[in-house]
N, C-alpha and C. Protein backbone atom coordinates (compact mmCIF):
# COMPACT_ATOMS: atom_id res chain seq x y z
N MET A 1 -18.22 -19.23 -25.45
CA MET A 1 -17.43 -18.74 -26.53
C MET A 1 -15.97 -18.95 -26.18
N HIS A 2 -15.18 -19.45 -27.09
CA HIS A 2 -13.74 -19.67 -26.88
C HIS A 2 -13.07 -18.33 -26.74
N SER A 3 -11.98 -18.25 -25.92
CA SER A 3 -11.36 -16.95 -25.61
C SER A 3 -10.85 -16.24 -26.86
N SER A 4 -10.30 -16.91 -27.82
CA SER A 4 -9.84 -16.26 -29.04
C SER A 4 -11.03 -15.72 -29.86
N ALA A 5 -12.13 -16.44 -29.86
CA ALA A 5 -13.32 -15.91 -30.54
C ALA A 5 -13.89 -14.73 -29.80
N LEU A 6 -13.80 -14.71 -28.46
CA LEU A 6 -14.26 -13.59 -27.68
C LEU A 6 -13.42 -12.36 -27.99
N VAL A 7 -12.11 -12.52 -28.05
CA VAL A 7 -11.25 -11.37 -28.35
C VAL A 7 -11.58 -10.85 -29.77
N ALA A 8 -11.74 -11.72 -30.72
CA ALA A 8 -12.09 -11.29 -32.06
C ALA A 8 -13.43 -10.58 -32.10
N CYS A 9 -14.37 -11.09 -31.36
CA CYS A 9 -15.70 -10.50 -31.28
C CYS A 9 -15.61 -9.10 -30.70
N LEU A 10 -14.84 -8.96 -29.57
CA LEU A 10 -14.76 -7.69 -28.90
C LEU A 10 -14.08 -6.63 -29.74
N ALA A 11 -13.30 -7.07 -30.68
CA ALA A 11 -12.58 -6.12 -31.57
C ALA A 11 -13.52 -5.45 -32.57
N GLN A 12 -14.75 -6.02 -32.71
CA GLN A 12 -15.71 -5.39 -33.65
C GLN A 12 -16.45 -4.26 -32.96
N GLU A 13 -17.16 -3.45 -33.75
CA GLU A 13 -17.90 -2.29 -33.22
C GLU A 13 -18.99 -2.76 -32.25
N THR A 14 -19.75 -3.78 -32.66
CA THR A 14 -20.73 -4.40 -31.76
C THR A 14 -20.40 -5.89 -31.74
N CYS A 15 -20.78 -6.54 -30.63
CA CYS A 15 -20.32 -7.92 -30.38
C CYS A 15 -21.48 -8.68 -29.76
N THR A 16 -21.82 -9.87 -30.24
CA THR A 16 -22.82 -10.71 -29.64
C THR A 16 -22.12 -11.74 -28.83
N ILE A 17 -22.49 -11.81 -27.51
CA ILE A 17 -21.95 -12.77 -26.60
C ILE A 17 -22.98 -13.78 -26.24
N PRO A 18 -22.79 -15.08 -26.63
CA PRO A 18 -23.79 -16.07 -26.23
C PRO A 18 -23.63 -16.42 -24.78
N GLY A 19 -24.68 -16.99 -24.18
CA GLY A 19 -24.54 -17.41 -22.78
C GLY A 19 -25.82 -17.30 -22.02
N MET A 20 -26.52 -16.23 -22.25
CA MET A 20 -27.79 -16.05 -21.61
C MET A 20 -28.89 -16.44 -22.62
N GLU A 21 -30.15 -16.35 -22.24
CA GLU A 21 -31.19 -16.67 -23.20
C GLU A 21 -31.15 -15.76 -24.42
N ALA A 22 -30.86 -14.48 -24.17
CA ALA A 22 -30.72 -13.52 -25.30
C ALA A 22 -29.23 -13.16 -25.38
N ALA A 23 -28.76 -12.98 -26.61
CA ALA A 23 -27.36 -12.57 -26.79
C ALA A 23 -27.17 -11.13 -26.30
N LEU A 24 -25.99 -10.81 -25.82
CA LEU A 24 -25.70 -9.46 -25.27
C LEU A 24 -24.95 -8.70 -26.35
N GLU A 25 -25.44 -7.52 -26.69
CA GLU A 25 -24.76 -6.65 -27.60
C GLU A 25 -23.87 -5.64 -26.78
N LEU A 26 -22.55 -5.54 -27.11
CA LEU A 26 -21.67 -4.62 -26.47
C LEU A 26 -21.57 -3.38 -27.36
N ASP A 27 -21.92 -2.22 -26.80
CA ASP A 27 -21.78 -1.02 -27.55
C ASP A 27 -20.57 -0.22 -27.01
N ALA A 28 -20.35 0.98 -27.53
CA ALA A 28 -19.20 1.78 -27.15
C ALA A 28 -19.22 2.10 -25.67
N ILE A 29 -20.36 2.32 -25.10
CA ILE A 29 -20.44 2.63 -23.66
C ILE A 29 -20.05 1.40 -22.82
N ASP A 30 -20.54 0.21 -23.22
CA ASP A 30 -20.16 -1.03 -22.52
C ASP A 30 -18.62 -1.16 -22.56
N ARG A 31 -18.05 -0.88 -23.70
CA ARG A 31 -16.60 -1.02 -23.86
C ARG A 31 -15.85 -0.03 -22.96
N ARG A 32 -16.35 1.22 -22.86
CA ARG A 32 -15.73 2.21 -21.94
C ARG A 32 -15.82 1.71 -20.52
N ILE A 33 -16.94 1.17 -20.12
CA ILE A 33 -17.11 0.63 -18.79
C ILE A 33 -16.15 -0.51 -18.54
N LEU A 34 -16.04 -1.42 -19.47
CA LEU A 34 -15.14 -2.56 -19.31
C LEU A 34 -13.68 -2.11 -19.22
N ARG A 35 -13.27 -1.14 -20.07
CA ARG A 35 -11.90 -0.65 -20.00
C ARG A 35 -11.62 -0.04 -18.62
N ALA A 36 -12.55 0.74 -18.12
CA ALA A 36 -12.41 1.46 -16.85
C ALA A 36 -12.29 0.43 -15.71
N LEU A 37 -13.16 -0.58 -15.72
CA LEU A 37 -13.18 -1.58 -14.65
C LEU A 37 -11.90 -2.48 -14.72
N GLN A 38 -11.36 -2.66 -15.92
CA GLN A 38 -10.12 -3.41 -16.01
C GLN A 38 -8.95 -2.65 -15.46
N GLN A 39 -9.00 -1.35 -15.54
CA GLN A 39 -7.96 -0.46 -15.00
C GLN A 39 -8.04 -0.42 -13.46
N ASP A 40 -9.33 -0.32 -12.99
CA ASP A 40 -9.54 -0.24 -11.51
C ASP A 40 -10.86 -0.86 -11.17
N GLY A 41 -10.86 -2.07 -10.72
CA GLY A 41 -12.08 -2.79 -10.39
C GLY A 41 -12.82 -2.24 -9.18
N ARG A 42 -12.18 -1.32 -8.47
CA ARG A 42 -12.83 -0.71 -7.27
C ARG A 42 -13.27 0.73 -7.57
N VAL A 43 -13.30 1.12 -8.84
CA VAL A 43 -13.77 2.44 -9.20
C VAL A 43 -15.20 2.63 -8.73
N THR A 44 -15.52 3.85 -8.26
CA THR A 44 -16.89 4.08 -7.82
C THR A 44 -17.84 4.20 -9.01
N TYR A 45 -19.13 3.95 -8.76
CA TYR A 45 -20.11 4.08 -9.83
C TYR A 45 -20.24 5.54 -10.31
N ASP A 46 -19.97 6.48 -9.40
CA ASP A 46 -19.99 7.88 -9.84
C ASP A 46 -18.86 8.17 -10.82
N ALA A 47 -17.62 7.69 -10.51
CA ALA A 47 -16.50 7.91 -11.43
C ALA A 47 -16.73 7.14 -12.70
N LEU A 48 -17.27 5.95 -12.61
CA LEU A 48 -17.57 5.12 -13.82
C LEU A 48 -18.62 5.84 -14.69
N ALA A 49 -19.62 6.43 -14.02
CA ALA A 49 -20.62 7.18 -14.75
C ALA A 49 -20.05 8.34 -15.49
N ALA A 50 -19.14 9.07 -14.86
CA ALA A 50 -18.48 10.19 -15.53
C ALA A 50 -17.68 9.73 -16.74
N GLU A 51 -16.99 8.55 -16.59
CA GLU A 51 -16.18 8.02 -17.69
C GLU A 51 -17.10 7.56 -18.85
N ALA A 52 -18.27 7.01 -18.50
CA ALA A 52 -19.18 6.47 -19.54
C ALA A 52 -20.12 7.52 -20.08
N GLY A 53 -20.29 8.62 -19.37
CA GLY A 53 -21.20 9.66 -19.83
C GLY A 53 -22.64 9.31 -19.53
N LEU A 54 -22.88 8.59 -18.44
CA LEU A 54 -24.22 8.18 -18.01
C LEU A 54 -24.45 8.51 -16.57
N SER A 55 -25.66 8.30 -16.07
CA SER A 55 -25.89 8.42 -14.66
C SER A 55 -25.36 7.21 -13.94
N SER A 56 -25.20 7.37 -12.60
CA SER A 56 -24.71 6.26 -11.81
C SER A 56 -25.65 5.08 -11.84
N SER A 57 -26.95 5.33 -11.84
CA SER A 57 -27.89 4.25 -11.88
C SER A 57 -27.87 3.50 -13.24
N ALA A 58 -27.69 4.25 -14.29
CA ALA A 58 -27.60 3.59 -15.62
C ALA A 58 -26.35 2.77 -15.74
N VAL A 59 -25.24 3.25 -15.17
CA VAL A 59 -23.97 2.48 -15.18
C VAL A 59 -24.09 1.22 -14.32
N LEU A 60 -24.79 1.33 -13.20
CA LEU A 60 -25.01 0.17 -12.30
C LEU A 60 -25.81 -0.89 -13.07
N ARG A 61 -26.85 -0.45 -13.78
CA ARG A 61 -27.66 -1.44 -14.56
C ARG A 61 -26.79 -2.11 -15.61
N ARG A 62 -25.95 -1.35 -16.30
CA ARG A 62 -25.06 -1.96 -17.33
C ARG A 62 -24.09 -2.89 -16.74
N VAL A 63 -23.48 -2.53 -15.64
CA VAL A 63 -22.47 -3.43 -15.00
C VAL A 63 -23.14 -4.72 -14.55
N ARG A 64 -24.32 -4.63 -13.93
CA ARG A 64 -25.05 -5.83 -13.54
C ARG A 64 -25.34 -6.71 -14.73
N ARG A 65 -25.79 -6.11 -15.87
CA ARG A 65 -26.04 -6.87 -17.07
C ARG A 65 -24.79 -7.56 -17.57
N LEU A 66 -23.65 -6.88 -17.56
CA LEU A 66 -22.38 -7.46 -17.98
C LEU A 66 -21.99 -8.62 -17.04
N GLU A 67 -22.21 -8.44 -15.76
CA GLU A 67 -21.92 -9.51 -14.80
C GLU A 67 -22.82 -10.73 -15.04
N GLU A 68 -24.09 -10.51 -15.13
CA GLU A 68 -25.08 -11.59 -15.33
C GLU A 68 -24.79 -12.36 -16.64
N ALA A 69 -24.33 -11.70 -17.67
CA ALA A 69 -24.01 -12.30 -18.95
C ALA A 69 -22.66 -13.03 -18.91
N GLY A 70 -21.91 -12.85 -17.86
CA GLY A 70 -20.61 -13.51 -17.80
C GLY A 70 -19.50 -12.71 -18.53
N VAL A 71 -19.77 -11.54 -19.01
CA VAL A 71 -18.74 -10.74 -19.64
C VAL A 71 -17.77 -10.27 -18.55
N ILE A 72 -18.28 -9.90 -17.40
CA ILE A 72 -17.45 -9.65 -16.21
C ILE A 72 -17.56 -10.90 -15.35
N ALA A 73 -16.47 -11.66 -15.31
CA ALA A 73 -16.50 -12.92 -14.56
C ALA A 73 -16.26 -12.79 -13.13
N SER A 74 -15.37 -11.88 -12.66
CA SER A 74 -15.11 -11.72 -11.24
C SER A 74 -14.30 -10.45 -11.04
N TYR A 75 -14.11 -10.08 -9.77
CA TYR A 75 -13.27 -8.97 -9.41
C TYR A 75 -12.21 -9.57 -8.50
N VAL A 76 -10.94 -9.18 -8.68
CA VAL A 76 -9.83 -9.78 -7.96
C VAL A 76 -8.83 -8.72 -7.52
N ALA A 77 -8.01 -9.10 -6.55
CA ALA A 77 -6.87 -8.28 -6.17
C ALA A 77 -5.65 -8.85 -6.95
N LEU A 78 -4.88 -8.04 -7.61
CA LEU A 78 -3.68 -8.50 -8.31
C LEU A 78 -2.52 -8.40 -7.40
N VAL A 79 -1.84 -9.51 -7.14
CA VAL A 79 -0.73 -9.59 -6.19
C VAL A 79 0.55 -9.83 -6.98
N PRO A 80 1.49 -8.86 -6.92
CA PRO A 80 2.80 -9.11 -7.60
C PRO A 80 3.49 -10.31 -6.92
N PRO A 81 3.82 -11.35 -7.65
CA PRO A 81 4.42 -12.53 -7.07
C PRO A 81 5.68 -12.19 -6.24
N GLU A 82 6.49 -11.32 -6.70
CA GLU A 82 7.72 -10.97 -5.96
C GLU A 82 7.42 -10.45 -4.60
N ARG A 83 6.30 -9.74 -4.38
CA ARG A 83 5.94 -9.18 -3.10
C ARG A 83 5.55 -10.22 -2.07
N VAL A 84 5.31 -11.46 -2.51
CA VAL A 84 4.89 -12.52 -1.59
C VAL A 84 5.90 -13.68 -1.65
N GLY A 85 7.16 -13.36 -2.07
CA GLY A 85 8.24 -14.32 -2.04
C GLY A 85 8.32 -15.29 -3.19
N LEU A 86 7.59 -15.04 -4.28
CA LEU A 86 7.63 -15.91 -5.44
C LEU A 86 8.37 -15.23 -6.55
N GLY A 87 9.73 -15.28 -6.46
CA GLY A 87 10.62 -14.51 -7.32
C GLY A 87 10.97 -15.16 -8.60
N LEU A 88 10.59 -16.40 -8.86
CA LEU A 88 10.99 -17.11 -10.07
C LEU A 88 9.73 -17.56 -10.84
N THR A 89 9.65 -17.14 -12.10
CA THR A 89 8.56 -17.60 -12.96
C THR A 89 9.14 -18.50 -14.04
N ALA A 90 8.52 -19.68 -14.21
CA ALA A 90 8.91 -20.61 -15.23
C ALA A 90 7.76 -20.91 -16.13
N TYR A 91 8.02 -21.06 -17.41
CA TYR A 91 7.05 -21.55 -18.36
C TYR A 91 7.52 -22.97 -18.70
N ILE A 92 6.65 -23.95 -18.49
CA ILE A 92 7.01 -25.35 -18.69
C ILE A 92 6.15 -25.96 -19.75
N ASN A 93 6.76 -26.41 -20.84
CA ASN A 93 6.05 -27.18 -21.89
C ASN A 93 6.01 -28.65 -21.41
N VAL A 94 4.83 -29.20 -21.41
CA VAL A 94 4.66 -30.58 -20.94
C VAL A 94 4.10 -31.44 -22.07
N ARG A 95 4.77 -32.65 -22.23
CA ARG A 95 4.25 -33.63 -23.18
C ARG A 95 3.75 -34.82 -22.37
N LEU A 96 2.55 -35.31 -22.70
CA LEU A 96 1.97 -36.43 -22.02
C LEU A 96 2.21 -37.70 -22.79
N GLU A 97 2.15 -38.87 -22.10
CA GLU A 97 2.22 -40.14 -22.76
C GLU A 97 0.95 -40.27 -23.65
N LYS A 98 1.12 -40.97 -24.73
CA LYS A 98 -0.01 -41.11 -25.68
C LYS A 98 -0.79 -42.41 -25.47
N GLN A 99 -0.13 -43.45 -25.07
CA GLN A 99 -0.78 -44.74 -24.90
C GLN A 99 -0.76 -45.17 -23.44
N THR A 100 -1.78 -45.86 -23.06
CA THR A 100 -1.82 -46.51 -21.75
C THR A 100 -2.20 -47.93 -21.87
N ASP A 101 -1.78 -48.73 -20.90
CA ASP A 101 -2.16 -50.16 -20.88
C ASP A 101 -3.62 -50.31 -20.41
N ASN A 102 -4.10 -49.32 -19.68
CA ASN A 102 -5.42 -49.41 -19.13
C ASN A 102 -6.32 -48.48 -19.94
N PRO A 103 -7.34 -49.05 -20.68
CA PRO A 103 -8.21 -48.19 -21.49
C PRO A 103 -9.10 -47.25 -20.66
N LEU A 104 -9.25 -47.52 -19.38
CA LEU A 104 -10.07 -46.65 -18.51
C LEU A 104 -9.27 -45.49 -18.00
N ARG A 105 -7.92 -45.52 -18.20
CA ARG A 105 -7.05 -44.42 -17.66
C ARG A 105 -6.70 -43.48 -18.79
N ASN A 106 -7.27 -42.30 -18.79
CA ASN A 106 -6.98 -41.32 -19.84
C ASN A 106 -5.91 -40.32 -19.29
N PRO A 107 -4.74 -40.34 -19.93
CA PRO A 107 -3.65 -39.49 -19.43
C PRO A 107 -4.01 -38.00 -19.37
N ARG A 108 -4.77 -37.51 -20.36
CA ARG A 108 -5.17 -36.11 -20.35
C ARG A 108 -6.07 -35.79 -19.16
N ASP A 109 -7.07 -36.63 -18.91
CA ASP A 109 -7.95 -36.38 -17.79
C ASP A 109 -7.23 -36.44 -16.45
N LEU A 110 -6.32 -37.40 -16.29
CA LEU A 110 -5.55 -37.46 -15.08
C LEU A 110 -4.69 -36.24 -14.86
N PHE A 111 -4.05 -35.78 -15.93
CA PHE A 111 -3.20 -34.58 -15.83
C PHE A 111 -4.04 -33.37 -15.55
N ARG A 112 -5.15 -33.20 -16.23
CA ARG A 112 -6.01 -32.02 -16.04
C ARG A 112 -6.50 -31.94 -14.61
N ALA A 113 -6.83 -33.07 -14.00
CA ALA A 113 -7.26 -33.08 -12.62
C ALA A 113 -6.11 -32.76 -11.67
N ALA A 114 -4.95 -33.33 -11.94
CA ALA A 114 -3.79 -33.11 -11.05
C ALA A 114 -3.33 -31.68 -11.06
N VAL A 115 -3.31 -31.03 -12.24
CA VAL A 115 -2.78 -29.67 -12.35
C VAL A 115 -3.63 -28.71 -11.52
N GLN A 116 -4.89 -29.02 -11.34
CA GLN A 116 -5.77 -28.14 -10.55
C GLN A 116 -5.36 -28.13 -9.06
N THR A 117 -4.61 -29.14 -8.62
CA THR A 117 -4.22 -29.26 -7.20
C THR A 117 -2.83 -28.70 -6.92
N TRP A 118 -2.09 -28.30 -7.95
CA TRP A 118 -0.74 -27.87 -7.77
C TRP A 118 -0.73 -26.34 -7.62
N PRO A 119 -0.50 -25.85 -6.40
CA PRO A 119 -0.57 -24.36 -6.20
C PRO A 119 0.50 -23.59 -6.97
N GLU A 120 1.63 -24.17 -7.32
CA GLU A 120 2.63 -23.44 -8.08
C GLU A 120 2.18 -23.12 -9.50
N VAL A 121 1.21 -23.87 -10.02
CA VAL A 121 0.75 -23.66 -11.40
C VAL A 121 -0.36 -22.64 -11.35
N VAL A 122 -0.08 -21.47 -11.91
CA VAL A 122 -1.09 -20.42 -11.95
C VAL A 122 -1.84 -20.30 -13.26
N GLU A 123 -1.30 -20.98 -14.27
CA GLU A 123 -1.98 -21.02 -15.59
C GLU A 123 -1.57 -22.31 -16.31
N CYS A 124 -2.56 -22.92 -16.93
CA CYS A 124 -2.31 -24.12 -17.74
C CYS A 124 -3.09 -24.04 -19.01
N ALA A 125 -2.45 -24.15 -20.14
CA ALA A 125 -3.11 -24.09 -21.44
C ALA A 125 -2.78 -25.28 -22.25
N ALA A 126 -3.85 -25.88 -22.89
CA ALA A 126 -3.66 -27.00 -23.79
C ALA A 126 -3.16 -26.39 -25.13
N LEU A 127 -2.19 -27.05 -25.75
CA LEU A 127 -1.54 -26.53 -26.93
C LEU A 127 -1.73 -27.44 -28.14
N THR A 128 -1.52 -26.85 -29.31
CA THR A 128 -1.32 -27.65 -30.52
C THR A 128 0.21 -27.82 -30.69
N GLY A 129 0.59 -28.71 -31.54
CA GLY A 129 2.03 -28.82 -31.83
C GLY A 129 2.69 -29.98 -31.05
N GLU A 130 3.96 -29.85 -30.87
CA GLU A 130 4.81 -30.93 -30.31
C GLU A 130 4.47 -31.21 -28.85
N MET A 131 4.21 -30.15 -28.05
CA MET A 131 3.91 -30.33 -26.63
C MET A 131 2.41 -30.25 -26.41
N ASP A 132 1.94 -30.80 -25.28
CA ASP A 132 0.53 -30.88 -25.02
C ASP A 132 0.02 -29.70 -24.20
N TYR A 133 0.80 -29.24 -23.24
CA TYR A 133 0.38 -28.18 -22.31
C TYR A 133 1.52 -27.18 -22.04
N LEU A 134 1.14 -25.99 -21.70
CA LEU A 134 2.05 -24.99 -21.26
C LEU A 134 1.63 -24.53 -19.88
N LEU A 135 2.50 -24.64 -18.91
CA LEU A 135 2.25 -24.24 -17.57
C LEU A 135 3.00 -22.98 -17.24
N ARG A 136 2.38 -22.04 -16.54
CA ARG A 136 3.09 -20.91 -15.97
C ARG A 136 3.14 -21.23 -14.47
N VAL A 137 4.38 -21.30 -13.97
CA VAL A 137 4.66 -21.72 -12.62
C VAL A 137 5.31 -20.58 -11.86
N LEU A 138 4.85 -20.34 -10.64
CA LEU A 138 5.47 -19.36 -9.74
C LEU A 138 6.05 -20.09 -8.57
N VAL A 139 7.32 -19.87 -8.35
CA VAL A 139 8.02 -20.54 -7.22
C VAL A 139 8.96 -19.51 -6.56
N GLN A 140 9.43 -19.89 -5.32
CA GLN A 140 10.28 -18.97 -4.60
C GLN A 140 11.65 -18.83 -5.20
N ASP A 141 12.27 -19.95 -5.61
CA ASP A 141 13.62 -19.93 -6.06
C ASP A 141 13.89 -21.22 -6.89
N MET A 142 15.14 -21.43 -7.29
CA MET A 142 15.52 -22.59 -8.07
C MET A 142 15.31 -23.87 -7.26
N GLN A 143 15.54 -23.86 -5.98
CA GLN A 143 15.34 -25.09 -5.16
C GLN A 143 13.85 -25.47 -5.13
N HIS A 144 13.00 -24.45 -5.00
CA HIS A 144 11.54 -24.70 -5.06
C HIS A 144 11.17 -25.29 -6.40
N TYR A 145 11.70 -24.69 -7.46
CA TYR A 145 11.47 -25.22 -8.83
C TYR A 145 11.90 -26.69 -8.96
N ALA A 146 13.08 -26.99 -8.48
CA ALA A 146 13.60 -28.34 -8.58
C ALA A 146 12.72 -29.34 -7.81
N ARG A 147 12.24 -28.92 -6.66
CA ARG A 147 11.32 -29.80 -5.90
C ARG A 147 10.00 -30.00 -6.67
N PHE A 148 9.48 -28.93 -7.23
CA PHE A 148 8.21 -29.03 -7.99
C PHE A 148 8.41 -30.02 -9.17
N ILE A 149 9.49 -29.81 -9.94
CA ILE A 149 9.72 -30.66 -11.10
C ILE A 149 9.92 -32.13 -10.69
N GLY A 150 10.86 -32.33 -9.71
CA GLY A 150 11.20 -33.70 -9.36
C GLY A 150 10.17 -34.45 -8.51
N ASP A 151 9.53 -33.73 -7.62
CA ASP A 151 8.60 -34.40 -6.73
C ASP A 151 7.13 -34.41 -7.20
N THR A 152 6.80 -33.49 -8.08
CA THR A 152 5.41 -33.35 -8.50
C THR A 152 5.19 -33.62 -9.97
N LEU A 153 5.75 -32.71 -10.84
CA LEU A 153 5.43 -32.80 -12.22
C LEU A 153 5.93 -34.10 -12.90
N LEU A 154 7.23 -34.42 -12.74
CA LEU A 154 7.75 -35.57 -13.38
C LEU A 154 7.34 -36.90 -12.69
N MET A 155 6.82 -36.77 -11.49
CA MET A 155 6.30 -37.99 -10.84
C MET A 155 4.85 -38.35 -11.28
N HIS A 156 4.24 -37.43 -11.96
CA HIS A 156 2.88 -37.70 -12.45
C HIS A 156 2.96 -38.78 -13.57
N PRO A 157 2.11 -39.83 -13.45
CA PRO A 157 2.20 -40.94 -14.39
C PRO A 157 1.91 -40.61 -15.84
N SER A 158 1.23 -39.49 -16.12
CA SER A 158 0.88 -39.14 -17.48
C SER A 158 1.98 -38.32 -18.20
N VAL A 159 2.88 -37.75 -17.41
CA VAL A 159 3.91 -36.84 -17.95
C VAL A 159 5.06 -37.63 -18.52
N GLN A 160 5.34 -37.41 -19.81
CA GLN A 160 6.38 -38.06 -20.51
C GLN A 160 7.65 -37.23 -20.52
N ASP A 161 7.50 -35.89 -20.74
CA ASP A 161 8.64 -35.00 -20.90
C ASP A 161 8.21 -33.59 -20.58
N CYS A 162 9.21 -32.74 -20.25
CA CYS A 162 8.92 -31.35 -20.06
C CYS A 162 10.17 -30.54 -20.42
N LYS A 163 9.92 -29.31 -20.83
CA LYS A 163 11.01 -28.32 -21.17
C LYS A 163 10.63 -27.00 -20.51
N THR A 164 11.63 -26.41 -19.85
CA THR A 164 11.37 -25.19 -19.11
C THR A 164 12.12 -24.02 -19.66
N SER A 165 11.47 -22.86 -19.63
CA SER A 165 12.08 -21.56 -19.86
C SER A 165 11.74 -20.69 -18.68
N PHE A 166 12.79 -19.90 -18.25
CA PHE A 166 12.61 -19.02 -17.11
C PHE A 166 12.46 -17.55 -17.56
N VAL A 167 11.67 -16.82 -16.86
CA VAL A 167 11.49 -15.40 -17.16
C VAL A 167 12.67 -14.63 -16.61
N LEU A 168 13.34 -13.88 -17.50
CA LEU A 168 14.45 -13.03 -17.11
C LEU A 168 13.91 -11.60 -16.79
N GLU A 169 12.99 -11.13 -17.62
CA GLU A 169 12.48 -9.81 -17.50
C GLU A 169 11.06 -9.74 -18.07
N ARG A 170 10.15 -9.07 -17.43
CA ARG A 170 8.79 -8.89 -17.99
C ARG A 170 8.75 -7.58 -18.76
N LEU A 171 8.45 -7.66 -20.05
CA LEU A 171 8.36 -6.46 -20.84
C LEU A 171 6.96 -5.90 -20.85
N LYS A 172 5.98 -6.77 -20.72
CA LYS A 172 4.55 -6.42 -20.65
C LYS A 172 3.86 -7.46 -19.83
N ASN A 173 3.01 -7.00 -18.92
CA ASN A 173 2.25 -7.89 -18.04
C ASN A 173 0.93 -7.26 -17.80
N THR A 174 -0.14 -7.75 -18.39
CA THR A 174 -1.46 -7.14 -18.19
C THR A 174 -2.50 -8.25 -18.05
N THR A 175 -3.53 -7.95 -17.36
CA THR A 175 -4.66 -8.85 -17.28
C THR A 175 -5.82 -8.33 -18.12
N ALA A 176 -5.66 -7.14 -18.65
CA ALA A 176 -6.75 -6.49 -19.40
C ALA A 176 -6.94 -7.09 -20.75
N VAL A 177 -8.19 -7.34 -21.14
CA VAL A 177 -8.57 -7.77 -22.48
C VAL A 177 -8.77 -6.56 -23.32
N PRO A 178 -8.27 -6.54 -24.55
CA PRO A 178 -8.41 -5.31 -25.38
C PRO A 178 -9.84 -5.15 -25.92
N VAL A 179 -10.61 -4.33 -25.21
CA VAL A 179 -12.01 -4.07 -25.60
C VAL A 179 -12.14 -2.66 -26.20
């Protein structure tokens, strides 16, 4: 299911998630569990049970079902970039070349493969409109940004142009999906 379709689905009272042999229905208890886990992925099953109004074993069964269905994809530690020396965030709009001389060389495929290897890129989204991709890039400082742009991004053979905006202040920053 595409992420925007998933968000729209989760906004409904019940939601069918394809992926397993049988579709998964999310009820109000599943949503409470998901909200609690998004707030604290290390919450105990006892605390989660109290939040959901179920026994610990019932909550464990529901969490396992959500994990198996792919509704819960993983558990992670959230690291503030500034705390590890990555004080500059840039959003870079990238436009790729449209034509190539070699019909076997697809600019999009080459770019998609390359972006996976660039550690500075923490998010890459394909876009509609004038630009092809939006990158969220975390770097130490302006010198690190300049090296990334000059030595990596603009050196890629598929990249035609890019435009950058820098984050001055974060007004909202969440990883939680509204369930």
